N, C-alpha and C. Protein backbone atom coordinates (compact mmCIF):
# COMPACT_ATOMS: atom_id res chain seq x y z
N MET A 1 -104.39 121.67 -96.84
CA MET A 1 -105.72 121.36 -97.33
C MET A 1 -106.32 122.63 -97.94
N ARG A 2 -107.13 122.45 -98.97
CA ARG A 2 -107.76 123.59 -99.62
C ARG A 2 -109.13 123.83 -99.01
N PRO A 3 -109.34 124.96 -98.35
CA PRO A 3 -110.62 125.22 -97.71
C PRO A 3 -111.75 125.42 -98.71
N ASP A 4 -111.44 125.68 -99.99
CA ASP A 4 -112.48 125.90 -100.98
C ASP A 4 -113.05 124.60 -101.54
N LEU A 5 -112.49 123.45 -101.15
CA LEU A 5 -113.00 122.17 -101.62
C LEU A 5 -113.96 121.59 -100.60
N ASN A 6 -115.09 121.12 -101.08
CA ASN A 6 -116.04 120.44 -100.22
C ASN A 6 -115.86 118.95 -100.40
N TYR A 7 -116.03 118.21 -99.33
CA TYR A 7 -115.84 116.77 -99.41
C TYR A 7 -116.77 116.08 -98.42
N ALA A 8 -117.04 114.83 -98.71
CA ALA A 8 -117.88 114.03 -97.82
C ALA A 8 -116.99 113.31 -96.84
N ARG A 9 -117.59 112.62 -95.89
CA ARG A 9 -116.82 111.95 -94.87
C ARG A 9 -117.09 110.47 -94.81
N HIS A 10 -116.67 109.90 -93.73
CA HIS A 10 -116.68 108.48 -93.47
C HIS A 10 -118.06 107.83 -93.62
N LYS A 11 -119.07 108.46 -93.11
CA LYS A 11 -120.41 107.86 -93.14
C LYS A 11 -121.00 108.04 -94.53
N HIS A 12 -121.53 106.96 -95.05
CA HIS A 12 -121.99 106.93 -96.42
C HIS A 12 -123.38 107.53 -96.59
N ALA A 13 -123.51 108.37 -97.61
CA ALA A 13 -124.80 108.90 -98.02
C ALA A 13 -124.78 108.97 -99.54
N VAL A 14 -125.44 108.04 -100.17
CA VAL A 14 -125.39 107.93 -101.62
C VAL A 14 -126.02 109.14 -102.31
N ALA A 15 -126.92 109.83 -101.65
CA ALA A 15 -127.53 111.02 -102.26
C ALA A 15 -126.47 112.07 -102.59
N ASN A 16 -125.48 112.24 -101.72
CA ASN A 16 -124.39 113.18 -101.98
C ASN A 16 -123.61 112.78 -103.22
N VAL A 17 -123.37 111.50 -103.36
CA VAL A 17 -122.62 111.00 -104.51
C VAL A 17 -123.42 111.21 -105.78
N ARG A 18 -124.69 110.90 -105.76
CA ARG A 18 -125.55 111.09 -106.94
C ARG A 18 -125.54 112.55 -107.39
N LEU A 19 -125.71 113.46 -106.43
CA LEU A 19 -125.72 114.89 -106.76
C LEU A 19 -124.39 115.35 -107.33
N ALA A 20 -123.30 114.90 -106.73
CA ALA A 20 -121.98 115.28 -107.23
C ALA A 20 -121.81 114.85 -108.68
N VAL A 21 -122.18 113.62 -108.97
CA VAL A 21 -122.06 113.10 -110.34
C VAL A 21 -122.97 113.88 -111.27
N GLU A 22 -124.20 114.14 -110.83
CA GLU A 22 -125.16 114.89 -111.64
C GLU A 22 -124.64 116.27 -112.01
N TYR A 23 -123.96 116.94 -111.07
CA TYR A 23 -123.42 118.27 -111.31
C TYR A 23 -122.02 118.27 -111.92
N GLY A 24 -121.50 117.10 -112.23
CA GLY A 24 -120.19 117.02 -112.86
C GLY A 24 -119.02 117.26 -111.93
N VAL A 25 -119.24 117.09 -110.63
CA VAL A 25 -118.17 117.25 -109.65
C VAL A 25 -117.33 115.98 -109.65
N PRO A 26 -116.02 116.08 -109.80
CA PRO A 26 -115.20 114.87 -109.73
C PRO A 26 -115.47 114.15 -108.40
N THR A 27 -115.86 112.90 -108.51
CA THR A 27 -116.32 112.15 -107.34
C THR A 27 -115.44 110.94 -107.12
N VAL A 28 -114.89 110.83 -105.92
CA VAL A 28 -114.02 109.73 -105.55
C VAL A 28 -114.72 108.92 -104.47
N ILE A 29 -114.77 107.62 -104.66
CA ILE A 29 -115.43 106.75 -103.70
C ILE A 29 -114.41 105.75 -103.16
N LEU A 30 -114.24 105.78 -101.87
CA LEU A 30 -113.36 104.85 -101.19
C LEU A 30 -114.15 103.58 -100.91
N PHE A 31 -113.56 102.43 -101.20
CA PHE A 31 -114.24 101.17 -100.87
C PHE A 31 -113.28 100.26 -100.14
N ARG A 32 -113.88 99.38 -99.34
CA ARG A 32 -113.10 98.49 -98.48
C ARG A 32 -113.82 97.16 -98.33
N ASP A 33 -113.06 96.13 -98.10
CA ASP A 33 -113.60 94.79 -97.86
C ASP A 33 -114.57 94.86 -96.67
N PRO A 34 -115.80 94.35 -96.84
CA PRO A 34 -116.76 94.43 -95.74
C PRO A 34 -116.28 93.71 -94.48
N LYS A 35 -115.44 92.72 -94.64
CA LYS A 35 -114.91 91.98 -93.49
C LYS A 35 -114.06 92.87 -92.59
N GLU A 36 -113.49 93.92 -93.16
CA GLU A 36 -112.69 94.88 -92.40
C GLU A 36 -113.47 96.17 -92.13
N CYS A 37 -114.18 96.62 -93.13
CA CYS A 37 -114.89 97.90 -93.06
C CYS A 37 -116.00 97.89 -92.00
N ILE A 38 -116.83 96.88 -92.01
CA ILE A 38 -117.99 96.87 -91.11
C ILE A 38 -117.58 96.76 -89.65
N PRO A 39 -116.68 95.85 -89.27
CA PRO A 39 -116.25 95.84 -87.85
C PRO A 39 -115.60 97.16 -87.42
N SER A 40 -114.86 97.78 -88.31
CA SER A 40 -114.23 99.06 -87.98
C SER A 40 -115.30 100.13 -87.77
N PHE A 41 -116.27 100.18 -88.67
CA PHE A 41 -117.35 101.15 -88.57
C PHE A 41 -118.14 100.97 -87.28
N VAL A 42 -118.47 99.72 -86.96
CA VAL A 42 -119.24 99.43 -85.75
C VAL A 42 -118.44 99.81 -84.50
N SER A 43 -117.15 99.54 -84.51
CA SER A 43 -116.34 99.85 -83.33
C SER A 43 -116.19 101.36 -83.12
N ARG A 44 -116.27 102.13 -84.18
CA ARG A 44 -116.14 103.59 -84.05
C ARG A 44 -117.46 104.30 -83.80
N PHE A 45 -118.52 103.86 -84.48
CA PHE A 45 -119.77 104.62 -84.46
C PHE A 45 -120.91 103.92 -83.73
N ARG A 46 -120.71 102.70 -83.30
CA ARG A 46 -121.62 101.95 -82.43
C ARG A 46 -122.97 101.50 -83.00
N PRO A 47 -123.17 101.46 -84.33
CA PRO A 47 -124.42 100.82 -84.75
C PRO A 47 -124.23 99.32 -84.60
N GLY A 48 -125.27 98.54 -84.73
CA GLY A 48 -125.11 97.10 -84.70
C GLY A 48 -124.51 96.60 -86.01
N VAL A 49 -124.03 95.38 -86.00
CA VAL A 49 -123.45 94.79 -87.21
C VAL A 49 -124.49 94.71 -88.32
N ALA A 50 -125.72 94.32 -87.99
CA ALA A 50 -126.77 94.20 -89.00
C ALA A 50 -127.04 95.55 -89.66
N GLU A 51 -127.11 96.61 -88.87
CA GLU A 51 -127.34 97.95 -89.43
C GLU A 51 -126.18 98.38 -90.32
N ALA A 52 -124.96 98.16 -89.87
CA ALA A 52 -123.79 98.55 -90.65
C ALA A 52 -123.73 97.77 -91.97
N LEU A 53 -124.08 96.49 -91.93
CA LEU A 53 -124.12 95.67 -93.14
C LEU A 53 -125.19 96.18 -94.10
N TYR A 54 -126.34 96.51 -93.57
CA TYR A 54 -127.44 97.07 -94.36
C TYR A 54 -126.98 98.36 -95.06
N ARG A 55 -126.29 99.23 -94.33
CA ARG A 55 -125.80 100.49 -94.89
C ARG A 55 -124.76 100.24 -95.99
N TYR A 56 -123.84 99.31 -95.72
CA TYR A 56 -122.80 98.97 -96.70
C TYR A 56 -123.46 98.51 -98.00
N LEU A 57 -124.40 97.57 -97.88
CA LEU A 57 -125.07 97.04 -99.07
C LEU A 57 -125.83 98.13 -99.81
N GLY A 58 -126.57 98.94 -99.10
CA GLY A 58 -127.35 100.00 -99.74
C GLY A 58 -126.48 101.01 -100.48
N PHE A 59 -125.40 101.42 -99.83
CA PHE A 59 -124.52 102.41 -100.45
C PHE A 59 -123.84 101.84 -101.69
N TYR A 60 -123.19 100.71 -101.57
CA TYR A 60 -122.41 100.20 -102.70
C TYR A 60 -123.27 99.60 -103.80
N ARG A 61 -124.47 99.11 -103.49
CA ARG A 61 -125.40 98.70 -104.56
C ARG A 61 -125.70 99.92 -105.44
N SER A 62 -125.99 101.04 -104.80
CA SER A 62 -126.29 102.26 -105.55
C SER A 62 -125.08 102.75 -106.33
N VAL A 63 -123.92 102.65 -105.75
CA VAL A 63 -122.70 103.06 -106.46
C VAL A 63 -122.56 102.24 -107.74
N VAL A 64 -122.68 100.93 -107.64
CA VAL A 64 -122.50 100.06 -108.79
C VAL A 64 -123.59 100.28 -109.83
N SER A 65 -124.84 100.39 -109.40
CA SER A 65 -125.95 100.46 -110.36
C SER A 65 -126.26 101.85 -110.88
N GLU A 66 -125.95 102.91 -110.11
CA GLU A 66 -126.38 104.25 -110.49
C GLU A 66 -125.24 105.23 -110.75
N VAL A 67 -124.11 105.05 -110.11
CA VAL A 67 -123.05 106.06 -110.15
C VAL A 67 -121.94 105.71 -111.12
N MET A 68 -121.58 104.45 -111.19
CA MET A 68 -120.47 104.07 -112.05
C MET A 68 -120.93 104.14 -113.50
N PRO A 69 -120.07 104.54 -114.41
CA PRO A 69 -118.62 104.74 -114.31
C PRO A 69 -118.19 106.19 -114.08
N ALA A 70 -119.10 107.03 -113.61
CA ALA A 70 -118.80 108.46 -113.51
C ALA A 70 -117.88 108.82 -112.34
N ALA A 71 -117.69 107.94 -111.40
CA ALA A 71 -116.85 108.22 -110.22
C ALA A 71 -115.56 107.41 -110.30
N LEU A 72 -114.60 107.82 -109.51
CA LEU A 72 -113.34 107.09 -109.40
C LEU A 72 -113.38 106.25 -108.13
N LEU A 73 -113.08 104.98 -108.25
CA LEU A 73 -112.99 104.11 -107.08
C LEU A 73 -111.55 104.07 -106.59
N VAL A 74 -111.40 104.19 -105.28
CA VAL A 74 -110.09 104.08 -104.64
C VAL A 74 -110.24 103.04 -103.54
N SER A 75 -109.43 102.01 -103.58
CA SER A 75 -109.52 100.98 -102.54
C SER A 75 -108.90 101.50 -101.26
N PHE A 76 -109.40 101.01 -100.15
CA PHE A 76 -108.86 101.38 -98.85
C PHE A 76 -107.36 101.08 -98.78
N GLU A 77 -106.99 99.90 -99.28
CA GLU A 77 -105.59 99.48 -99.25
C GLU A 77 -104.72 100.44 -100.06
N GLU A 78 -105.23 100.86 -101.20
CA GLU A 78 -104.52 101.82 -102.04
C GLU A 78 -104.34 103.15 -101.30
N ALA A 79 -105.39 103.60 -100.65
CA ALA A 79 -105.36 104.89 -99.97
C ALA A 79 -104.41 104.91 -98.78
N VAL A 80 -104.45 103.87 -97.95
CA VAL A 80 -103.59 103.88 -96.76
C VAL A 80 -102.19 103.36 -97.05
N GLY A 81 -102.04 102.57 -98.09
CA GLY A 81 -100.73 101.99 -98.39
C GLY A 81 -99.87 102.85 -99.29
N GLY A 82 -100.50 103.74 -100.02
CA GLY A 82 -99.76 104.58 -100.94
C GLY A 82 -100.43 105.92 -101.11
N ILE A 83 -100.42 106.70 -100.07
CA ILE A 83 -101.16 107.96 -100.08
C ILE A 83 -100.68 108.86 -101.22
N GLN A 84 -99.40 108.91 -101.44
CA GLN A 84 -98.88 109.80 -102.49
C GLN A 84 -99.34 109.35 -103.88
N GLY A 85 -99.31 108.05 -104.12
CA GLY A 85 -99.81 107.54 -105.41
C GLY A 85 -101.30 107.76 -105.57
N THR A 86 -102.02 107.64 -104.47
CA THR A 86 -103.46 107.87 -104.50
C THR A 86 -103.76 109.33 -104.82
N VAL A 87 -103.01 110.24 -104.21
CA VAL A 87 -103.21 111.66 -104.49
C VAL A 87 -102.93 111.94 -105.96
N ARG A 88 -101.88 111.36 -106.52
CA ARG A 88 -101.57 111.55 -107.94
C ARG A 88 -102.72 111.03 -108.82
N ARG A 89 -103.25 109.87 -108.47
CA ARG A 89 -104.33 109.26 -109.25
C ARG A 89 -105.60 110.13 -109.18
N ILE A 90 -105.93 110.63 -108.00
CA ILE A 90 -107.09 111.49 -107.84
C ILE A 90 -106.88 112.80 -108.60
N ALA A 91 -105.68 113.35 -108.52
CA ALA A 91 -105.37 114.60 -109.23
C ALA A 91 -105.55 114.42 -110.74
N ALA A 92 -105.09 113.30 -111.27
CA ALA A 92 -105.25 113.04 -112.70
C ALA A 92 -106.74 112.89 -113.05
N PHE A 93 -107.47 112.20 -112.21
CA PHE A 93 -108.91 111.99 -112.42
C PHE A 93 -109.66 113.32 -112.40
N ALA A 94 -109.37 114.17 -111.44
CA ALA A 94 -110.09 115.42 -111.26
C ALA A 94 -109.47 116.58 -112.04
N ASP A 95 -108.38 116.29 -112.75
CA ASP A 95 -107.71 117.26 -113.60
C ASP A 95 -107.20 118.48 -112.81
N PHE A 96 -106.46 118.20 -111.75
CA PHE A 96 -105.75 119.28 -111.05
C PHE A 96 -104.32 118.83 -110.82
N SER A 97 -103.45 119.81 -110.62
CA SER A 97 -102.03 119.49 -110.48
C SER A 97 -101.63 119.40 -109.01
N VAL A 98 -100.62 118.61 -108.79
CA VAL A 98 -100.07 118.42 -107.45
C VAL A 98 -98.56 118.64 -107.56
N GLU A 99 -98.03 119.44 -106.67
CA GLU A 99 -96.59 119.64 -106.65
C GLU A 99 -95.94 118.45 -105.98
N GLU A 100 -95.11 117.73 -106.73
CA GLU A 100 -94.50 116.49 -106.24
C GLU A 100 -93.77 116.66 -104.92
N GLY A 101 -93.08 117.74 -104.72
CA GLY A 101 -92.31 117.95 -103.50
C GLY A 101 -93.17 118.11 -102.25
N ASN A 102 -94.44 118.37 -102.43
CA ASN A 102 -95.32 118.63 -101.29
C ASN A 102 -96.12 117.40 -100.85
N LEU A 103 -95.98 116.28 -101.51
CA LEU A 103 -96.83 115.13 -101.19
C LEU A 103 -96.56 114.56 -99.79
N GLU A 104 -95.31 114.48 -99.39
CA GLU A 104 -95.01 113.98 -98.04
C GLU A 104 -95.57 114.93 -96.99
N GLU A 105 -95.41 116.23 -97.23
CA GLU A 105 -95.94 117.23 -96.30
C GLU A 105 -97.47 117.17 -96.27
N LEU A 106 -98.09 116.96 -97.42
CA LEU A 106 -99.55 116.84 -97.51
C LEU A 106 -100.04 115.66 -96.69
N GLU A 107 -99.36 114.53 -96.80
CA GLU A 107 -99.73 113.34 -96.03
C GLU A 107 -99.64 113.60 -94.52
N ALA A 108 -98.55 114.21 -94.09
CA ALA A 108 -98.38 114.51 -92.66
C ALA A 108 -99.45 115.47 -92.17
N LYS A 109 -99.74 116.50 -92.97
CA LYS A 109 -100.77 117.47 -92.58
C LYS A 109 -102.15 116.83 -92.50
N ALA A 110 -102.44 115.93 -93.42
CA ALA A 110 -103.75 115.25 -93.42
C ALA A 110 -103.92 114.43 -92.15
N LYS A 111 -102.90 113.68 -91.78
CA LYS A 111 -102.99 112.87 -90.55
C LYS A 111 -103.11 113.76 -89.32
N GLN A 112 -102.36 114.83 -89.30
CA GLN A 112 -102.41 115.77 -88.17
C GLN A 112 -103.80 116.41 -88.08
N ARG A 113 -104.37 116.74 -89.22
CA ARG A 113 -105.71 117.34 -89.25
C ARG A 113 -106.76 116.36 -88.72
N ILE A 114 -106.65 115.11 -89.10
CA ILE A 114 -107.58 114.08 -88.61
C ILE A 114 -107.52 114.00 -87.10
N GLN A 115 -106.32 113.96 -86.56
CA GLN A 115 -106.15 113.86 -85.10
C GLN A 115 -106.72 115.08 -84.39
N LYS A 116 -106.41 116.28 -84.89
CA LYS A 116 -106.90 117.50 -84.24
C LYS A 116 -108.41 117.60 -84.32
N ARG A 117 -108.96 117.30 -85.48
CA ARG A 117 -110.41 117.41 -85.65
C ARG A 117 -111.14 116.42 -84.76
N THR A 118 -110.64 115.21 -84.67
CA THR A 118 -111.27 114.21 -83.82
C THR A 118 -111.18 114.63 -82.36
N GLN A 119 -110.03 115.08 -81.94
CA GLN A 119 -109.84 115.52 -80.56
C GLN A 119 -110.80 116.67 -80.23
N ARG A 120 -110.92 117.63 -81.14
CA ARG A 120 -111.79 118.77 -80.92
C ARG A 120 -113.27 118.35 -80.91
N ARG A 121 -113.64 117.46 -81.83
CA ARG A 121 -115.04 117.07 -81.98
C ARG A 121 -115.54 116.21 -80.84
N VAL A 122 -114.76 115.24 -80.42
CA VAL A 122 -115.24 114.31 -79.40
C VAL A 122 -114.45 114.38 -78.09
N GLY A 123 -113.44 115.22 -78.05
CA GLY A 123 -112.70 115.40 -76.81
C GLY A 123 -111.75 114.27 -76.47
N THR A 124 -111.60 113.32 -77.37
CA THR A 124 -110.70 112.19 -77.15
C THR A 124 -110.23 111.66 -78.48
N ALA A 125 -109.12 110.97 -78.48
CA ALA A 125 -108.62 110.34 -79.70
C ALA A 125 -109.17 108.92 -79.86
N GLU A 126 -110.05 108.50 -78.95
CA GLU A 126 -110.60 107.13 -78.98
C GLU A 126 -111.31 106.82 -80.30
N HIS A 127 -111.99 107.79 -80.86
CA HIS A 127 -112.77 107.57 -82.08
C HIS A 127 -112.04 108.00 -83.34
N ILE A 128 -110.75 108.16 -83.25
CA ILE A 128 -109.97 108.62 -84.41
C ILE A 128 -110.01 107.58 -85.52
N SER A 129 -109.96 108.05 -86.76
CA SER A 129 -110.07 107.13 -87.88
C SER A 129 -108.74 106.48 -88.25
N LEU A 130 -107.66 106.90 -87.64
CA LEU A 130 -106.38 106.25 -87.89
C LEU A 130 -106.32 104.94 -87.10
N PRO A 131 -105.48 103.98 -87.51
CA PRO A 131 -105.43 102.69 -86.81
C PRO A 131 -105.22 102.82 -85.30
N ASP A 132 -105.88 101.94 -84.56
CA ASP A 132 -105.83 101.96 -83.10
C ASP A 132 -105.82 100.52 -82.59
N ARG A 133 -104.76 100.12 -81.94
CA ARG A 133 -104.63 98.75 -81.45
C ARG A 133 -105.68 98.38 -80.40
N ASN A 134 -106.17 99.35 -79.66
CA ASN A 134 -107.13 99.08 -78.58
C ASN A 134 -108.47 98.56 -79.10
N ARG A 135 -108.81 98.86 -80.34
CA ARG A 135 -110.10 98.44 -80.89
C ARG A 135 -110.06 97.05 -81.53
N GLU A 136 -108.89 96.46 -81.68
CA GLU A 136 -108.78 95.21 -82.41
C GLU A 136 -109.62 94.07 -81.81
N THR A 137 -109.69 93.96 -80.50
CA THR A 137 -110.50 92.91 -79.87
C THR A 137 -111.98 93.12 -80.18
N THR A 138 -112.42 94.35 -80.05
CA THR A 138 -113.81 94.68 -80.35
C THR A 138 -114.13 94.40 -81.82
N LYS A 139 -113.23 94.78 -82.70
CA LYS A 139 -113.44 94.53 -84.13
C LYS A 139 -113.51 93.04 -84.42
N ALA A 140 -112.72 92.24 -83.74
CA ALA A 140 -112.76 90.78 -83.94
C ALA A 140 -114.12 90.21 -83.55
N GLU A 141 -114.69 90.72 -82.47
CA GLU A 141 -116.01 90.27 -82.05
C GLU A 141 -117.08 90.64 -83.09
N HIS A 142 -117.00 91.86 -83.59
CA HIS A 142 -117.95 92.30 -84.61
C HIS A 142 -117.76 91.51 -85.90
N ARG A 143 -116.52 91.21 -86.25
CA ARG A 143 -116.23 90.45 -87.46
C ARG A 143 -116.85 89.06 -87.37
N LYS A 144 -116.78 88.45 -86.21
CA LYS A 144 -117.35 87.11 -86.02
C LYS A 144 -118.87 87.16 -86.27
N LYS A 145 -119.55 88.17 -85.75
CA LYS A 145 -120.99 88.33 -85.98
C LYS A 145 -121.28 88.56 -87.46
N LEU A 146 -120.45 89.37 -88.09
CA LEU A 146 -120.64 89.67 -89.50
C LEU A 146 -120.55 88.41 -90.35
N LEU A 147 -119.53 87.60 -90.11
CA LEU A 147 -119.32 86.39 -90.91
C LEU A 147 -120.46 85.38 -90.73
N GLN A 148 -121.21 85.49 -89.66
CA GLN A 148 -122.35 84.61 -89.41
C GLN A 148 -123.63 85.12 -90.06
N SER A 149 -123.61 86.34 -90.56
CA SER A 149 -124.79 86.94 -91.16
C SER A 149 -125.11 86.32 -92.52
N SER A 150 -126.39 86.15 -92.77
CA SER A 150 -126.82 85.60 -94.07
C SER A 150 -126.56 86.59 -95.21
N LYS A 151 -126.39 87.86 -94.90
CA LYS A 151 -126.16 88.89 -95.92
C LYS A 151 -124.67 89.12 -96.23
N TYR A 152 -123.80 88.47 -95.47
CA TYR A 152 -122.37 88.71 -95.67
C TYR A 152 -121.92 88.30 -97.07
N ALA A 153 -122.41 87.18 -97.58
CA ALA A 153 -122.01 86.71 -98.91
C ALA A 153 -122.37 87.74 -99.98
N GLU A 154 -123.51 88.39 -99.81
CA GLU A 154 -123.92 89.43 -100.76
C GLU A 154 -122.95 90.62 -100.70
N ALA A 155 -122.55 91.00 -99.50
CA ALA A 155 -121.60 92.11 -99.35
C ALA A 155 -120.25 91.75 -99.97
N LYS A 156 -119.81 90.54 -99.79
CA LYS A 156 -118.53 90.10 -100.36
C LYS A 156 -118.59 90.11 -101.89
N LYS A 157 -119.72 89.66 -102.43
CA LYS A 157 -119.89 89.66 -103.89
C LYS A 157 -119.86 91.09 -104.43
N LEU A 158 -120.52 92.00 -103.74
CA LEU A 158 -120.52 93.40 -104.13
C LEU A 158 -119.11 93.99 -104.08
N TYR A 159 -118.37 93.63 -103.04
CA TYR A 159 -116.99 94.08 -102.91
C TYR A 159 -116.15 93.58 -104.10
N HIS A 160 -116.35 92.35 -104.53
CA HIS A 160 -115.61 91.83 -105.68
C HIS A 160 -115.98 92.58 -106.96
N GLN A 161 -117.23 93.00 -107.09
CA GLN A 161 -117.63 93.83 -108.23
C GLN A 161 -116.87 95.15 -108.21
N LEU A 162 -116.81 95.77 -107.04
CA LEU A 162 -116.09 97.02 -106.90
C LEU A 162 -114.61 96.85 -107.24
N GLN A 163 -114.03 95.75 -106.78
CA GLN A 163 -112.62 95.48 -107.09
C GLN A 163 -112.40 95.36 -108.60
N SER A 164 -113.31 94.69 -109.29
CA SER A 164 -113.19 94.53 -110.75
C SER A 164 -113.26 95.87 -111.46
N ILE A 165 -114.21 96.71 -111.07
CA ILE A 165 -114.33 98.04 -111.66
C ILE A 165 -113.06 98.85 -111.38
N HIS A 166 -112.59 98.78 -110.14
CA HIS A 166 -111.37 99.49 -109.74
C HIS A 166 -110.18 99.05 -110.59
N GLU A 167 -110.02 97.75 -110.77
CA GLU A 167 -108.90 97.25 -111.56
C GLU A 167 -108.97 97.75 -113.00
N LEU A 168 -110.17 97.81 -113.56
CA LEU A 168 -110.33 98.35 -114.92
C LEU A 168 -109.94 99.83 -114.96
N GLN A 169 -110.38 100.58 -113.97
CA GLN A 169 -110.04 102.01 -113.92
C GLN A 169 -108.54 102.22 -113.81
N VAL A 170 -107.90 101.48 -112.93
CA VAL A 170 -106.45 101.61 -112.75
C VAL A 170 -105.74 101.26 -114.05
N GLY A 171 -106.18 100.19 -114.69
CA GLY A 171 -105.57 99.76 -115.95
C GLY A 171 -105.70 100.77 -117.07
N ARG A 172 -106.78 101.54 -117.03
CA ARG A 172 -107.03 102.55 -118.07
C ARG A 172 -106.49 103.92 -117.70
N GLY A 173 -105.94 104.06 -116.49
CA GLY A 173 -105.49 105.38 -116.04
C GLY A 173 -106.67 106.33 -115.99
N GLU A 174 -107.76 105.87 -115.40
CA GLU A 174 -109.06 106.56 -115.43
C GLU A 174 -108.99 108.02 -115.02
N ARG A 175 -109.66 108.83 -115.82
CA ARG A 175 -109.78 110.27 -115.57
C ARG A 175 -111.26 110.62 -115.43
N CYS A 176 -111.52 111.81 -114.95
CA CYS A 176 -112.88 112.29 -114.73
C CYS A 176 -113.68 112.31 -116.04
N GLN A 177 -114.94 111.94 -115.96
CA GLN A 177 -115.81 111.91 -117.15
C GLN A 177 -116.75 113.10 -117.19
N SER A 178 -116.32 114.26 -116.80
CA SER A 178 -117.23 115.41 -116.80
C SER A 178 -117.34 116.04 -118.17
């Protein structure tokens, strides 16, 4: 990992994204289906489903209306299913080079760093962002509440907008617009 790079984390703050775009910083936004994202977020950080849904809507509404097309969208599935391809896509977008031989090592180091940082920060791996089978029951309960929410349809529609923008970017081999 490059210590000279600053990056945001899991919890969404659209102000950071706006500033990055304003200053011409290559900005990558990870997006995920609310049906999966919100239960996962609630199981890790303990807000209620309604609060997590409110945050999801607020963040991604702003992304669609204020930030795009200046940022690169990366789907959660793309990021976890093809880390090496995702790194190549981000590198092309941000105009930096990646040594092909180091991508597997980079992936392993990133996962190791996540585990160490989580262990150091909270003293347990319970809140780690990597998949955890023990949380699946809890996530299912949160998902059930989410699907009953009157705002869920709005979140799903927003997610489909993000998917459409993402597909256009991938099709164009999108690069940074700085």
